[in-house]
């Protein structure tokens, strides 16, 4: 299995249903049938959570990304989990906080 892949596994059998490169390593949150992914490079993706296949519905890089310091030969990475509360998606990265309205039209 390749590194930095999103993998769907059948819980009862351990059978891998699908794998996708997605946004690489990072953090995830789940709400309303979707995974909200925050990649270590700062990118954000919305993925429909389904056992059939990987279905990315959108991806973006938040505006005004913070400056990433170098830690030895490597840049800082975004590891903070996305937070979903009261119809908003919160993304935090190195002292910067973005809030997005994700309420479904009713």
Protein backbone atom coordinates (compact mmCIF):
# COMPACT_ATOMS: atom_id res chain seq x y z
CA UNK A 1 0.00 0.00 0.00
CA UNK A 2 1.40 3.40 -0.97
CA UNK A 3 2.14 6.08 1.60
CA UNK A 4 -0.10 9.17 1.95
CA UNK A 5 -3.25 7.57 0.57
CA UNK A 6 -6.81 7.75 1.82
CA UNK A 7 -8.06 4.18 2.18
CA UNK A 8 -11.58 2.82 2.69
CA UNK A 9 -11.62 -0.53 4.47
CA UNK A 10 -14.59 -2.79 5.17
CA UNK A 11 -14.66 -2.98 8.96
CA UNK A 12 -15.92 -6.56 9.30
CA UNK A 13 -13.47 -8.16 6.85
CA UNK A 14 -10.54 -5.75 6.56
CA UNK A 15 -10.99 -5.78 2.78
CA UNK A 16 -9.71 -2.61 1.08
CA UNK A 17 -12.61 -1.11 -0.91
CA UNK A 18 -10.62 1.71 -2.55
CA UNK A 19 -7.51 3.88 -2.25
CA UNK A 20 -6.93 7.44 -3.45
CA UNK A 21 -3.99 9.84 -3.38
CA UNK A 22 -6.30 12.66 -2.26
CA UNK A 23 -4.42 15.54 -0.61
CA UNK A 24 -1.76 13.39 1.03
CA UNK A 25 -1.02 13.35 4.74
CA UNK A 26 -3.11 15.56 6.96
CA UNK A 27 -6.14 15.61 9.23
CA UNK A 28 -9.75 14.66 8.70
CA UNK A 29 -13.21 15.41 10.08
CA UNK A 30 -16.56 13.83 9.19
CA UNK A 31 -20.02 15.40 8.99
CA UNK A 32 -23.21 14.79 6.99
CA UNK A 33 -21.78 12.02 4.81
CA UNK A 34 -18.60 13.90 3.90
CA UNK A 35 -14.96 13.90 4.88
CA UNK A 36 -13.33 17.30 5.29
CA UNK A 37 -9.60 16.89 4.67
CA UNK A 38 -6.91 19.37 5.71
CA UNK A 39 -3.62 18.46 4.03
CA UNK A 40 -0.26 19.08 5.64
CA UNK A 41 0.48 21.58 2.85
CA UNK A 42 -2.62 23.62 3.82
CA UNK A 43 -4.99 22.42 1.07
CA UNK A 44 -8.59 21.55 1.97
CA UNK A 45 -10.75 18.96 0.19
CA UNK A 46 -14.34 17.75 0.50
CA UNK A 47 -14.89 14.04 -0.18
CA UNK A 48 -18.15 12.13 -0.24
CA UNK A 49 -17.80 9.28 2.26
CA UNK A 50 -18.93 6.20 0.39
CA UNK A 51 -17.68 2.58 0.31
CA UNK A 52 -18.04 2.41 -3.49
CA UNK A 53 -15.36 4.89 -4.59
CA UNK A 54 -13.41 8.05 -3.85
CA UNK A 55 -15.59 11.03 -4.86
CA UNK A 56 -13.84 14.35 -4.36
CA UNK A 57 -16.41 17.15 -4.57
CA UNK A 58 -14.03 20.08 -4.31
CA UNK A 59 -10.60 21.30 -3.26
CA UNK A 60 -9.06 24.67 -2.48
CA UNK A 61 -6.17 26.41 -0.77
CA UNK A 62 -7.34 28.99 1.80
CA UNK A 63 -6.31 32.54 0.98
CA UNK A 64 -3.46 34.33 2.79
CA UNK A 65 -1.60 31.16 3.77
CA UNK A 66 0.75 31.66 6.72
CA UNK A 67 4.49 31.64 6.15
CA UNK A 68 5.88 28.25 6.97
CA UNK A 69 9.17 28.23 8.89
CA UNK A 70 11.81 25.66 8.14
CA UNK A 71 12.40 22.96 10.73
CA UNK A 72 15.78 21.70 9.67
CA UNK A 73 15.41 20.72 6.01
CA UNK A 74 11.61 20.55 6.22
CA UNK A 75 8.92 23.29 6.22
CA UNK A 76 6.26 23.46 8.95
CA UNK A 77 3.18 21.43 8.15
CA UNK A 78 -0.53 21.93 8.79
CA UNK A 79 -1.71 19.20 11.17
CA UNK A 80 -4.66 20.84 12.89
CA UNK A 81 -7.94 18.96 12.51
CA UNK A 82 -10.80 20.68 10.69
CA UNK A 83 -13.68 21.53 13.04
CA UNK A 84 -17.34 21.56 12.02
CA UNK A 85 -19.80 23.37 14.29
CA UNK A 86 -23.10 25.19 13.78
CA UNK A 87 -22.93 24.96 9.98
CA UNK A 88 -19.38 26.28 9.75
CA UNK A 89 -16.08 24.66 8.80
CA UNK A 90 -13.10 25.98 10.78
CA UNK A 91 -9.58 25.52 9.46
CA UNK A 92 -6.59 26.62 11.55
CA UNK A 93 -3.01 26.73 10.35
CA UNK A 94 -0.03 28.31 12.16
CA UNK A 95 -1.94 31.07 13.93
CA UNK A 96 -4.43 31.72 11.09
CA UNK A 97 -8.11 30.74 11.36
CA UNK A 98 -10.59 30.55 8.48
CA UNK A 99 -14.34 29.98 8.87
CA UNK A 100 -16.54 28.81 5.98
CA UNK A 101 -20.32 28.59 5.87
CA UNK A 102 -21.14 25.01 4.86
CA UNK A 103 -24.82 24.90 5.75
CA UNK A 104 -26.93 23.04 3.24
CA UNK A 105 -29.70 25.12 1.69
CA UNK A 106 -32.93 24.03 3.26
